[in-house]
Amino acid sequence: MGFLQEGETIILQDSAKSDFFGKGTLYLTNSRMIFEVMTGSFLSKTAEVKIDQSIHSMKALSVSGRKSLQIHFEGNMEPTTLYVDNPGKWEASIRTILAVSGN
């Protein structure tokens, strides 16, 4: 988890799943959303960051169903769907960060 930048703190962290990337860990920091998956064989697993987006690049955000968090990042044609246990908590935290930062 060496992806934190200076002055950055983790707000939320949870297991998540992506239809495209598989299972991993989703992080929400005070400035970014990061999705990290473990790749490789049983003996040589490495962490690989699959999503690393600024909070301010989020153009739309919604919760669908009990586990689905949909985020439309700037520059992506389709929204990114991530499955987490409490998507409402993620949505509320993201909206709070955006409100505090003036976006």
PDB file of N, CA and C in Angstrom:
ATOM      1  N   MET A   1       0.850  -1.187   0.000  1.00  0.00           N
ATOM      2  CA  MET A   1       0.000   0.000   0.000  1.00  0.00           C
ATOM      3  C   MET A   1       0.892   1.246   0.000  1.00  0.00           C
ATOM      4  N   GLY A   2       1.827   1.291  -0.911  1.00  0.00           N
ATOM      5  CA  GLY A   2       2.724   2.418  -1.003  1.00  0.00           C
ATOM      6  C   GLY A   2       2.245   3.488  -1.954  1.00  0.00           C
ATOM      7  N   PHE A   3       0.949   3.588  -2.142  1.00  0.00           N
ATOM      8  CA  PHE A   3       0.407   4.524  -3.122  1.00  0.00           C
ATOM      9  C   PHE A   3      -0.007   5.862  -2.531  1.00  0.00           C
ATOM     10  N   LEU A   4       0.053   6.010  -1.226  1.00  0.00           N
ATOM     11  CA  LEU A   4      -0.372   7.273  -0.614  1.00  0.00           C
ATOM     12  C   LEU A   4       0.624   8.385  -0.929  1.00  0.00           C
ATOM     13  N   GLN A   5       0.071   9.537  -1.242  1.00  0.00           N
ATOM     14  CA  GLN A   5       0.891  10.711  -1.508  1.00  0.00           C
ATOM     15  C   GLN A   5       1.022  11.525  -0.228  1.00  0.00           C
ATOM     16  N   GLU A   6       1.938  12.450  -0.214  1.00  0.00           N
ATOM     17  CA  GLU A   6       2.150  13.292   0.957  1.00  0.00           C
ATOM     18  C   GLU A   6       0.867  14.039   1.326  1.00  0.00           C
ATOM     19  N   GLY A   7       0.485  13.973   2.588  1.00  0.00           N
ATOM     20  CA  GLY A   7      -0.711  14.658   3.071  1.00  0.00           C
ATOM     21  C   GLY A   7      -2.001  13.900   2.809  1.00  0.00           C
ATOM     22  N   GLU A   8      -1.920  12.730   2.221  1.00  0.00           N
ATOM     23  CA  GLU A   8      -3.110  11.950   1.875  1.00  0.00           C
ATOM     24  C   GLU A   8      -3.415  10.961   2.991  1.00  0.00           C
ATOM     25  N   THR A   9      -4.688  10.821   3.326  1.00  0.00           N
ATOM     26  CA  THR A   9      -5.106   9.873   4.357  1.00  0.00           C
ATOM     27  C   THR A   9      -6.232   8.996   3.818  1.00  0.00           C
ATOM     28  N   ILE A  10      -6.284   7.774   4.310  1.00  0.00           N
ATOM     29  CA  ILE A  10      -7.352   6.850   3.909  1.00  0.00           C
ATOM     30  C   ILE A  10      -8.597   7.154   4.727  1.00  0.00           C
ATOM     31  N   ILE A  11      -9.706   7.372   4.032  1.00  0.00           N
ATOM     32  CA  ILE A  11     -11.001   7.634   4.666  1.00  0.00           C
ATOM     33  C   ILE A  11     -11.775   6.324   4.820  1.00  0.00           C
ATOM     34  N   LEU A  12     -11.834   5.529   3.742  1.00  0.00           N
ATOM     35  CA  LEU A  12     -12.502   4.225   3.751  1.00  0.00           C
ATOM     36  C   LEU A  12     -11.630   3.200   3.046  1.00  0.00           C
ATOM     37  N   GLN A  13     -11.776   1.959   3.476  1.00  0.00           N
ATOM     38  CA  GLN A  13     -11.072   0.842   2.857  1.00  0.00           C
ATOM     39  C   GLN A  13     -11.962  -0.375   3.000  1.00  0.00           C
ATOM     40  N   ASP A  14     -12.185  -1.111   1.898  1.00  0.00           N
ATOM     41  CA  ASP A  14     -13.068  -2.273   1.966  1.00  0.00           C
ATOM     42  C   ASP A  14     -12.763  -3.230   0.814  1.00  0.00           C
ATOM     43  N   SER A  15     -13.114  -4.476   1.014  1.00  0.00           N
ATOM     44  CA  SER A  15     -13.035  -5.444  -0.077  1.00  0.00           C
ATOM     45  C   SER A  15     -14.059  -5.044  -1.124  1.00  0.00           C
ATOM     46  N   ALA A  16     -13.686  -5.216  -2.385  1.00  0.00           N
ATOM     47  CA  ALA A  16     -14.575  -4.838  -3.467  1.00  0.00           C
ATOM     48  C   ALA A  16     -14.369  -5.774  -4.644  1.00  0.00           C
ATOM     49  N   LYS A  17     -15.296  -5.706  -5.580  1.00  0.00           N
ATOM     50  CA  LYS A  17     -15.209  -6.513  -6.791  1.00  0.00           C
ATOM     51  C   LYS A  17     -15.564  -5.641  -7.979  1.00  0.00           C
ATOM     52  N   SER A  18     -14.859  -5.880  -9.070  1.00  0.00           N
ATOM     53  CA  SER A  18     -15.116  -5.217 -10.334  1.00  0.00           C
ATOM     54  C   SER A  18     -15.351  -6.297 -11.376  1.00  0.00           C
ATOM     55  N   ASP A  19     -16.343  -6.114 -12.238  1.00  0.00           N
ATOM     56  CA  ASP A  19     -16.582  -7.093 -13.302  1.00  0.00           C
ATOM     57  C   ASP A  19     -15.366  -7.195 -14.220  1.00  0.00           C
ATOM     58  N   PHE A  20     -14.638  -6.108 -14.365  1.00  0.00           N
ATOM     59  CA  PHE A  20     -13.507  -6.059 -15.286  1.00  0.00           C
ATOM     60  C   PHE A  20     -12.194  -6.509 -14.645  1.00  0.00           C
ATOM     61  N   PHE A  21     -11.946  -6.094 -13.391  1.00  0.00           N
ATOM     62  CA  PHE A  21     -10.659  -6.357 -12.751  1.00  0.00           C
ATOM     63  C   PHE A  21     -10.676  -7.504 -11.745  1.00  0.00           C
ATOM     64  N   GLY A  22     -11.845  -7.947 -11.306  1.00  0.00           N
ATOM     65  CA  GLY A  22     -11.935  -9.006 -10.307  1.00  0.00           C
ATOM     66  C   GLY A  22     -12.004  -8.455  -8.890  1.00  0.00           C
ATOM     67  N   LYS A  23     -11.557  -9.258  -7.929  1.00  0.00           N
ATOM     68  CA  LYS A  23     -11.628  -8.888  -6.515  1.00  0.00           C
ATOM     69  C   LYS A  23     -10.376  -8.140  -6.094  1.00  0.00           C
ATOM     70  N   GLY A  24     -10.585  -7.208  -5.170  1.00  0.00           N
ATOM     71  CA  GLY A  24      -9.458  -6.444  -4.662  1.00  0.00           C
ATOM     72  C   GLY A  24      -9.860  -5.610  -3.462  1.00  0.00           C
ATOM     73  N   THR A  25      -9.119  -4.558  -3.233  1.00  0.00           N
ATOM     74  CA  THR A  25      -9.385  -3.645  -2.122  1.00  0.00           C
ATOM     75  C   THR A  25      -9.608  -2.253  -2.689  1.00  0.00           C
ATOM     76  N   LEU A  26     -10.697  -1.640  -2.258  1.00  0.00           N
ATOM     77  CA  LEU A  26     -11.040  -0.292  -2.683  1.00  0.00           C
ATOM     78  C   LEU A  26     -10.677   0.668  -1.560  1.00  0.00           C
ATOM     79  N   TYR A  27      -9.986   1.740  -1.930  1.00  0.00           N
ATOM     80  CA  TYR A  27      -9.579   2.762  -0.969  1.00  0.00           C
ATOM     81  C   TYR A  27     -10.166   4.094  -1.392  1.00  0.00           C
ATOM     82  N   LEU A  28     -10.643   4.839  -0.431  1.00  0.00           N
ATOM     83  CA  LEU A  28     -11.041   6.222  -0.639  1.00  0.00           C
ATOM     84  C   LEU A  28     -10.143   7.059   0.254  1.00  0.00           C
ATOM     85  N   THR A  29      -9.378   7.943  -0.361  1.00  0.00           N
ATOM     86  CA  THR A  29      -8.545   8.854   0.422  1.00  0.00           C
ATOM     87  C   THR A  29      -9.199  10.227   0.390  1.00  0.00           C
ATOM     88  N   ASN A  30      -8.572  11.171   1.018  1.00  0.00           N
ATOM     89  CA  ASN A  30      -9.120  12.522   1.007  1.00  0.00           C
ATOM     90  C   ASN A  30      -8.997  13.179  -0.364  1.00  0.00           C
ATOM     91  N   SER A  31      -8.343  12.510  -1.339  1.00  0.00           N
ATOM     92  CA  SER A  31      -8.235  13.108  -2.673  1.00  0.00           C
ATOM     93  C   SER A  31      -8.393  12.133  -3.839  1.00  0.00           C
ATOM     94  N   ARG A  32      -8.366  10.829  -3.575  1.00  0.00           N
ATOM     95  CA  ARG A  32      -8.423   9.864  -4.680  1.00  0.00           C
ATOM     96  C   ARG A  32      -9.217   8.617  -4.324  1.00  0.00           C
ATOM     97  N   MET A  33      -9.601   7.876  -5.387  1.00  0.00           N
ATOM     98  CA  MET A  33     -10.158   6.544  -5.238  1.00  0.00           C
ATOM     99  C   MET A  33      -9.182   5.588  -5.909  1.00  0.00           C
ATOM    100  N   ILE A  34      -8.822   4.524  -5.183  1.00  0.00           N
ATOM    101  CA  ILE A  34      -7.835   3.568  -5.659  1.00  0.00           C
ATOM    102  C   ILE A  34      -8.423   2.164  -5.515  1.00  0.00           C
ATOM    103  N   PHE A  35      -8.273   1.359  -6.563  1.00  0.00           N
ATOM    104  CA  PHE A  35      -8.689  -0.043  -6.515  1.00  0.00           C
ATOM    105  C   PHE A  35      -7.453  -0.881  -6.798  1.00  0.00           C
ATOM    106  N   GLU A  36      -7.095  -1.707  -5.830  1.00  0.00           N
ATOM    107  CA  GLU A  36      -5.874  -2.501  -5.897  1.00  0.00           C
ATOM    108  C   GLU A  36      -6.241  -3.987  -5.891  1.00  0.00           C
ATOM    109  N   VAL A  37      -5.647  -4.748  -6.813  1.00  0.00           N
ATOM    110  CA  VAL A  37      -5.885  -6.188  -6.861  1.00  0.00           C
ATOM    111  C   VAL A  37      -4.554  -6.916  -6.687  1.00  0.00           C
ATOM    112  N   MET A  38      -4.636  -8.134  -6.220  1.00  0.00           N
ATOM    113  CA  MET A  38      -3.448  -8.973  -6.082  1.00  0.00           C
ATOM    114  C   MET A  38      -3.341  -9.836  -7.339  1.00  0.00           C
ATOM    115  N   THR A  39      -2.176  -9.838  -7.954  1.00  0.00           N
ATOM    116  CA  THR A  39      -1.953 -10.629  -9.159  1.00  0.00           C
ATOM    117  C   THR A  39      -0.771 -11.563  -8.937  1.00  0.00           C
ATOM    118  N   GLY A  40      -0.648 -12.554  -9.798  1.00  0.00           N
ATOM    119  CA  GLY A  40       0.465 -13.482  -9.705  1.00  0.00           C
ATOM    120  C   GLY A  40       0.048 -14.814  -9.135  1.00  0.00           C
ATOM    121  N   SER A  41       1.016 -15.674  -8.948  1.00  0.00           N
ATOM    122  CA  SER A  41       0.755 -17.015  -8.432  1.00  0.00           C
ATOM    123  C   SER A  41       0.730 -17.006  -6.907  1.00  0.00           C
ATOM    124  N   PHE A  42       0.417 -18.150  -6.355  1.00  0.00           N
ATOM    125  CA  PHE A  42       0.306 -18.307  -4.904  1.00  0.00           C
ATOM    126  C   PHE A  42       1.577 -17.860  -4.186  1.00  0.00           C
ATOM    127  N   LEU A  43       2.728 -18.162  -4.744  1.00  0.00           N
ATOM    128  CA  LEU A  43       3.996 -17.864  -4.085  1.00  0.00           C
ATOM    129  C   LEU A  43       4.528 -16.460  -4.367  1.00  0.00           C
ATOM    130  N   SER A  44       4.071 -15.851  -5.430  1.00  0.00           N
ATOM    131  CA  SER A  44       4.617 -14.531  -5.774  1.00  0.00           C
ATOM    132  C   SER A  44       3.520 -13.535  -6.135  1.00  0.00           C
ATOM    133  N   LYS A  45       2.689 -13.245  -5.180  1.00  0.00           N
ATOM    134  CA  LYS A  45       1.616 -12.276  -5.408  1.00  0.00           C
ATOM    135  C   LYS A  45       2.150 -10.857  -5.287  1.00  0.00           C
ATOM    136  N   THR A  46       1.654 -10.003  -6.162  1.00  0.00           N
ATOM    137  CA  THR A  46       2.014  -8.587  -6.100  1.00  0.00           C
ATOM    138  C   THR A  46       0.746  -7.747  -6.184  1.00  0.00           C
ATOM    139  N   ALA A  47       0.779  -6.597  -5.560  1.00  0.00           N
ATOM    140  CA  ALA A  47      -0.355  -5.669  -5.610  1.00  0.00           C
ATOM    141  C   ALA A  47      -0.240  -4.843  -6.873  1.00  0.00           C
ATOM    142  N   GLU A  48      -1.369  -4.708  -7.563  1.00  0.00           N
ATOM    143  CA  GLU A  48      -1.409  -3.922  -8.788  1.00  0.00           C
ATOM    144  C   GLU A  48      -2.586  -2.951  -8.712  1.00  0.00           C
ATOM    145  N   VAL A  49      -2.300  -1.666  -8.879  1.00  0.00           N
ATOM    146  CA  VAL A  49      -3.346  -0.646  -8.837  1.00  0.00           C
ATOM    147  C   VAL A  49      -4.032  -0.612 -10.193  1.00  0.00           C
ATOM    148  N   LYS A  50      -5.350  -0.852 -10.194  1.00  0.00           N
ATOM    149  CA  LYS A  50      -6.132  -0.882 -11.433  1.00  0.00           C
ATOM    150  C   LYS A  50      -6.911   0.412 -11.652  1.00  0.00           C
ATOM    151  N   ILE A  51      -7.309   1.054 -10.571  1.00  0.00           N
ATOM    152  CA  ILE A  51      -8.000   2.347 -10.662  1.00  0.00           C
ATOM    153  C   ILE A  51      -7.278   3.305  -9.733  1.00  0.00           C
ATOM    154  N   ASP A  52      -6.926   4.444 -10.260  1.00  0.00           N
ATOM    155  CA  ASP A  52      -6.304   5.516  -9.474  1.00  0.00           C
ATOM    156  C   ASP A  52      -6.829   6.820 -10.057  1.00  0.00           C
ATOM    157  N   GLN A  53      -7.919   7.305  -9.474  1.00  0.00           N
ATOM    158  CA  GLN A  53      -8.601   8.475 -10.007  1.00  0.00           C
ATOM    159  C   GLN A  53      -8.785   9.541  -8.925  1.00  0.00           C
ATOM    160  N   SER A  54      -8.605  10.765  -9.325  1.00  0.00           N
ATOM    161  CA  SER A  54      -8.873  11.884  -8.435  1.00  0.00           C
ATOM    162  C   SER A  54     -10.365  11.937  -8.112  1.00  0.00           C
ATOM    163  N   ILE A  55     -10.680  12.305  -6.898  1.00  0.00           N
ATOM    164  CA  ILE A  55     -12.081  12.492  -6.512  1.00  0.00           C
ATOM    165  C   ILE A  55     -12.742  13.515  -7.437  1.00  0.00           C
ATOM    166  N   HIS A  56     -11.975  14.502  -7.860  1.00  0.00           N
ATOM    167  CA  HIS A  56     -12.522  15.571  -8.693  1.00  0.00           C
ATOM    168  C   HIS A  56     -12.758  15.147 -10.135  1.00  0.00           C
ATOM    169  N   SER A  57     -12.309  13.939 -10.512  1.00  0.00           N
ATOM    170  CA  SER A  57     -12.585  13.444 -11.861  1.00  0.00           C
ATOM    171  C   SER A  57     -13.911  12.694 -11.929  1.00  0.00           C
ATOM    172  N   MET A  58     -14.614  12.597 -10.792  1.00  0.00           N
ATOM    173  CA  MET A  58     -15.912  11.925 -10.767  1.00  0.00           C
ATOM    174  C   MET A  58     -16.985  12.885 -11.286  1.00  0.00           C
ATOM    175  N   LYS A  59     -17.656  12.473 -12.351  1.00  0.00           N
ATOM    176  CA  LYS A  59     -18.688  13.304 -12.962  1.00  0.00           C
ATOM    177  C   LYS A  59     -20.090  12.883 -12.549  1.00  0.00           C
ATOM    178  N   ALA A  60     -20.251  11.640 -12.142  1.00  0.00           N
ATOM    179  CA  ALA A  60     -21.541  11.137 -11.666  1.00  0.00           C
ATOM    180  C   ALA A  60     -21.270   9.996 -10.696  1.00  0.00           C
ATOM    181  N   LEU A  61     -22.183   9.849  -9.753  1.00  0.00           N
ATOM    182  CA  LEU A  61     -22.028   8.866  -8.694  1.00  0.00           C
ATOM    183  C   LEU A  61     -23.410   8.381  -8.300  1.00  0.00           C
ATOM    184  N   SER A  62     -23.599   7.052  -8.226  1.00  0.00           N
ATOM    185  CA  SER A  62     -24.901   6.538  -7.804  1.00  0.00           C
ATOM    186  C   SER A  62     -24.748   5.169  -7.161  1.00  0.00           C
ATOM    187  N   VAL A  63     -25.763   4.800  -6.394  1.00  0.00           N
ATOM    188  CA  VAL A  63     -25.839   3.489  -5.767  1.00  0.00           C
ATOM    189  C   VAL A  63     -26.987   2.756  -6.427  1.00  0.00           C
ATOM    190  N   SER A  64     -26.732   1.513  -6.802  1.00  0.00           N
ATOM    191  CA  SER A  64     -27.757   0.694  -7.443  1.00  0.00           C
ATOM    192  C   SER A  64     -27.823  -0.633  -6.713  1.00  0.00           C
ATOM    193  N   GLY A  65     -28.951  -0.929  -6.126  1.00  0.00           N
ATOM    194  CA  GLY A  65     -29.079  -2.176  -5.375  1.00  0.00           C
ATOM    195  C   GLY A  65     -28.366  -2.106  -4.040  1.00  0.00           C
ATOM    196  N   ARG A  66     -28.114  -3.280  -3.464  1.00  0.00           N
ATOM    197  CA  ARG A  66     -27.521  -3.335  -2.135  1.00  0.00           C
ATOM    198  C   ARG A  66     -26.000  -3.303  -2.134  1.00  0.00           C
ATOM    199  N   LYS A  67     -25.374  -3.552  -3.271  1.00  0.00           N
ATOM    200  CA  LYS A  67     -23.917  -3.654  -3.265  1.00  0.00           C
ATOM    201  C   LYS A  67     -23.232  -2.877  -4.380  1.00  0.00           C
ATOM    202  N   SER A  68     -23.954  -2.241  -5.254  1.00  0.00           N
ATOM    203  CA  SER A  68     -23.375  -1.656  -6.457  1.00  0.00           C
ATOM    204  C   SER A  68     -23.163  -0.143  -6.327  1.00  0.00           C
ATOM    205  N   LEU A  69     -21.922   0.265  -6.522  1.00  0.00           N
ATOM    206  CA  LEU A  69     -21.539   1.672  -6.530  1.00  0.00           C
ATOM    207  C   LEU A  69     -21.095   1.995  -7.950  1.00  0.00           C
ATOM    208  N   GLN A  70     -21.788   2.918  -8.607  1.00  0.00           N
ATOM    209  CA  GLN A  70     -21.447   3.278  -9.980  1.00  0.00           C
ATOM    210  C   GLN A  70     -20.856   4.677  -9.999  1.00  0.00           C
ATOM    211  N   ILE A  71     -19.675   4.775 -10.640  1.00  0.00           N
ATOM    212  CA  ILE A  71     -18.956   6.040 -10.711  1.00  0.00           C
ATOM    213  C   ILE A  71     -18.614   6.305 -12.166  1.00  0.00           C
ATOM    214  N   HIS A  72     -18.954   7.487 -12.613  1.00  0.00           N
ATOM    215  CA  HIS A  72     -18.580   7.871 -13.979  1.00  0.00           C
ATOM    216  C   HIS A  72     -17.415   8.851 -13.865  1.00  0.00           C
ATOM    217  N   PHE A  73     -16.230   8.357 -14.230  1.00  0.00           N
ATOM    218  CA  PHE A  73     -15.028   9.183 -14.187  1.00  0.00           C
ATOM    219  C   PHE A  73     -14.889   9.970 -15.490  1.00  0.00           C
ATOM    220  N   GLU A  74     -14.388  11.160 -15.381  1.00  0.00           N
ATOM    221  CA  GLU A  74     -14.115  12.001 -16.542  1.00  0.00           C
ATOM    222  C   GLU A  74     -13.220  11.236 -17.523  1.00  0.00           C
ATOM    223  N   GLY A  75     -13.569  11.273 -18.799  1.00  0.00           N
ATOM    224  CA  GLY A  75     -12.778  10.611 -19.819  1.00  0.00           C
ATOM    225  C   GLY A  75     -13.189   9.172 -20.103  1.00  0.00           C
ATOM    226  N   ASN A  76     -14.021   8.571 -19.270  1.00  0.00           N
ATOM    227  CA  ASN A  76     -14.505   7.203 -19.504  1.00  0.00           C
ATOM    228  C   ASN A  76     -15.874   7.253 -20.156  1.00  0.00           C
ATOM    229  N   MET A  77     -16.078   6.435 -21.143  1.00  0.00           N
ATOM    230  CA  MET A  77     -17.368   6.388 -21.835  1.00  0.00           C
ATOM    231  C   MET A  77     -18.447   5.737 -20.968  1.00  0.00           C
ATOM    232  N   GLU A  78     -18.065   4.706 -20.241  1.00  0.00           N
ATOM    233  CA  GLU A  78     -19.006   3.945 -19.422  1.00  0.00           C
ATOM    234  C   GLU A  78     -18.714   4.178 -17.940  1.00  0.00           C
ATOM    235  N   PRO A  79     -19.746   4.112 -17.109  1.00  0.00           N
ATOM    236  CA  PRO A  79     -19.479   4.206 -15.670  1.00  0.00           C
ATOM    237  C   PRO A  79     -18.739   2.967 -15.174  1.00  0.00           C
ATOM    238  N   THR A  80     -17.963   3.140 -14.140  1.00  0.00           N
ATOM    239  CA  THR A  80     -17.256   2.041 -13.484  1.00  0.00           C
ATOM    240  C   THR A  80     -18.164   1.523 -12.382  1.00  0.00           C
ATOM    241  N   THR A  81     -18.408   0.220 -12.348  1.00  0.00           N
ATOM    242  CA  THR A  81     -19.235  -0.378 -11.312  1.00  0.00           C
ATOM    243  C   THR A  81     -18.346  -1.172 -10.376  1.00  0.00           C
ATOM    244  N   LEU A  82     -18.448  -0.859  -9.096  1.00  0.00           N
ATOM    245  CA  LEU A  82     -17.711  -1.568  -8.055  1.00  0.00           C
ATOM    246  C   LEU A  82     -18.726  -2.102  -7.052  1.00  0.00           C
ATOM    247  N   TYR A  83     -18.508  -3.324  -6.611  1.00  0.00           N
ATOM    248  CA  TYR A  83     -19.416  -3.967  -5.666  1.00  0.00           C
ATOM    249  C   TYR A  83     -18.768  -3.962  -4.290  1.00  0.00           C
ATOM    250  N   VAL A  84     -19.413  -3.273  -3.358  1.00  0.00           N
ATOM    251  CA  VAL A  84     -18.936  -3.158  -1.975  1.00  0.00           C
ATOM    252  C   VAL A  84     -20.093  -3.467  -1.036  1.00  0.00           C
ATOM    253  N   ASP A  85     -19.780  -3.788   0.217  1.00  0.00           N
ATOM    254  CA  ASP A  85     -20.826  -4.155   1.169  1.00  0.00           C
ATOM    255  C   ASP A  85     -21.770  -3.016   1.519  1.00  0.00           C
ATOM    256  N   ASN A  86     -21.281  -1.804   1.584  1.00  0.00           N
ATOM    257  CA  ASN A  86     -22.129  -0.682   1.973  1.00  0.00           C
ATOM    258  C   ASN A  86     -21.914   0.492   1.010  1.00  0.00           C
ATOM    259  N   PRO A  87     -22.483   0.403  -0.202  1.00  0.00           N
ATOM    260  CA  PRO A  87     -22.240   1.462  -1.185  1.00  0.00           C
ATOM    261  C   PRO A  87     -22.771   2.825  -0.748  1.00  0.00           C
ATOM    262  N   GLY A  88     -23.809   2.845   0.071  1.00  0.00           N
ATOM    263  CA  GLY A  88     -24.345   4.116   0.562  1.00  0.00           C
ATOM    264  C   GLY A  88     -23.335   4.875   1.407  1.00  0.00           C
ATOM    265  N   LYS A  89     -22.570   4.140   2.209  1.00  0.00           N
ATOM    266  CA  LYS A  89     -21.526   4.760   3.032  1.00  0.00           C
ATOM    267  C   LYS A  89     -20.439   5.350   2.134  1.00  0.00           C
ATOM    268  N   TRP A  90     -20.073   4.626   1.073  1.00  0.00           N
ATOM    269  CA  TRP A  90     -19.073   5.126   0.126  1.00  0.00           C
ATOM    270  C   TRP A  90     -19.569   6.387  -0.574  1.00  0.00           C
ATOM    271  N   GLU A  91     -20.804   6.350  -1.035  1.00  0.00           N
ATOM    272  CA  GLU A  91     -21.368   7.515  -1.725  1.00  0.00           C
ATOM    273  C   GLU A  91     -21.386   8.736  -0.807  1.00  0.00           C
ATOM    274  N   ALA A  92     -21.841   8.548   0.430  1.00  0.00           N
ATOM    275  CA  ALA A  92     -21.903   9.657   1.385  1.00  0.00           C
ATOM    276  C   ALA A  92     -20.506  10.223   1.668  1.00  0.00           C
ATOM    277  N   SER A  93     -19.529   9.355   1.824  1.00  0.00           N
ATOM    278  CA  SER A  93     -18.160   9.813   2.102  1.00  0.00           C
ATOM    279  C   SER A  93     -17.582  10.587   0.917  1.00  0.00           C
ATOM    280  N   ILE A  94     -17.813  10.089  -0.292  1.00  0.00           N
ATOM    281  CA  ILE A  94     -17.324  10.785  -1.488  1.00  0.00           C
ATOM    282  C   ILE A  94     -17.970  12.161  -1.597  1.00  0.00           C
ATOM    283  N   ARG A  95     -19.278  12.215  -1.395  1.00  0.00           N
ATOM    284  CA  ARG A  95     -19.987  13.505  -1.485  1.00  0.00           C
ATOM    285  C   ARG A  95     -19.507  14.481  -0.408  1.00  0.00           C
ATOM    286  N   THR A  96     -19.189  13.980   0.770  1.00  0.00           N
ATOM    287  CA  THR A  96     -18.665  14.831   1.840  1.00  0.00           C
ATOM    288  C   THR A  96     -17.308  15.397   1.452  1.00  0.00           C
ATOM    289  N   ILE A  97     -16.434  14.560   0.916  1.00  0.00           N
ATOM    290  CA  ILE A  97     -15.118  15.033   0.491  1.00  0.00           C
ATOM    291  C   ILE A  97     -15.261  16.102  -0.586  1.00  0.00           C
ATOM    292  N   LEU A  98     -16.140  15.866  -1.549  1.00  0.00           N
ATOM    293  CA  LEU A  98     -16.356  16.840  -2.627  1.00  0.00           C
ATOM    294  C   LEU A  98     -16.902  18.155  -2.076  1.00  0.00           C
ATOM    295  N   ALA A  99     -17.811  18.083  -1.116  1.00  0.00           N
ATOM    296  CA  ALA A  99     -18.389  19.294  -0.534  1.00  0.00           C
ATOM    297  C   ALA A  99     -17.334  20.090   0.259  1.00  0.00           C
ATOM    298  N   VAL A 100     -16.522  19.378   1.015  1.00  0.00           N
ATOM    299  CA  VAL A 100     -15.492  20.027   1.820  1.00  0.00           C
ATOM    300  C   VAL A 100     -14.428  20.691   0.934  1.00  0.00           C
ATOM    301  N   SER A 101     -14.122  20.014  -0.195  1.00  0.00           N
ATOM    302  CA  SER A 101     -13.079  20.537  -1.080  1.00  0.00           C
ATOM    303  C   SER A 101     -13.614  21.570  -2.064  1.00  0.00           C
ATOM    304  N   GLY A 102     -14.913  21.823  -2.007  1.00  0.00           N
ATOM    305  CA  GLY A 102     -15.491  22.869  -2.847  1.00  0.00           C
ATOM    306  C   GLY A 102     -15.850  22.442  -4.240  1.00  0.00           C
ATOM    307  N   ASN A 103     -16.094  21.150  -4.466  1.00  0.00           N
ATOM    308  CA  ASN A 103     -16.482  20.677  -5.798  1.00  0.00           C
ATOM    309  C   ASN A 103     -17.876  20.106  -5.766  1.00  0.00           C
TER     310      ASN A 103
END
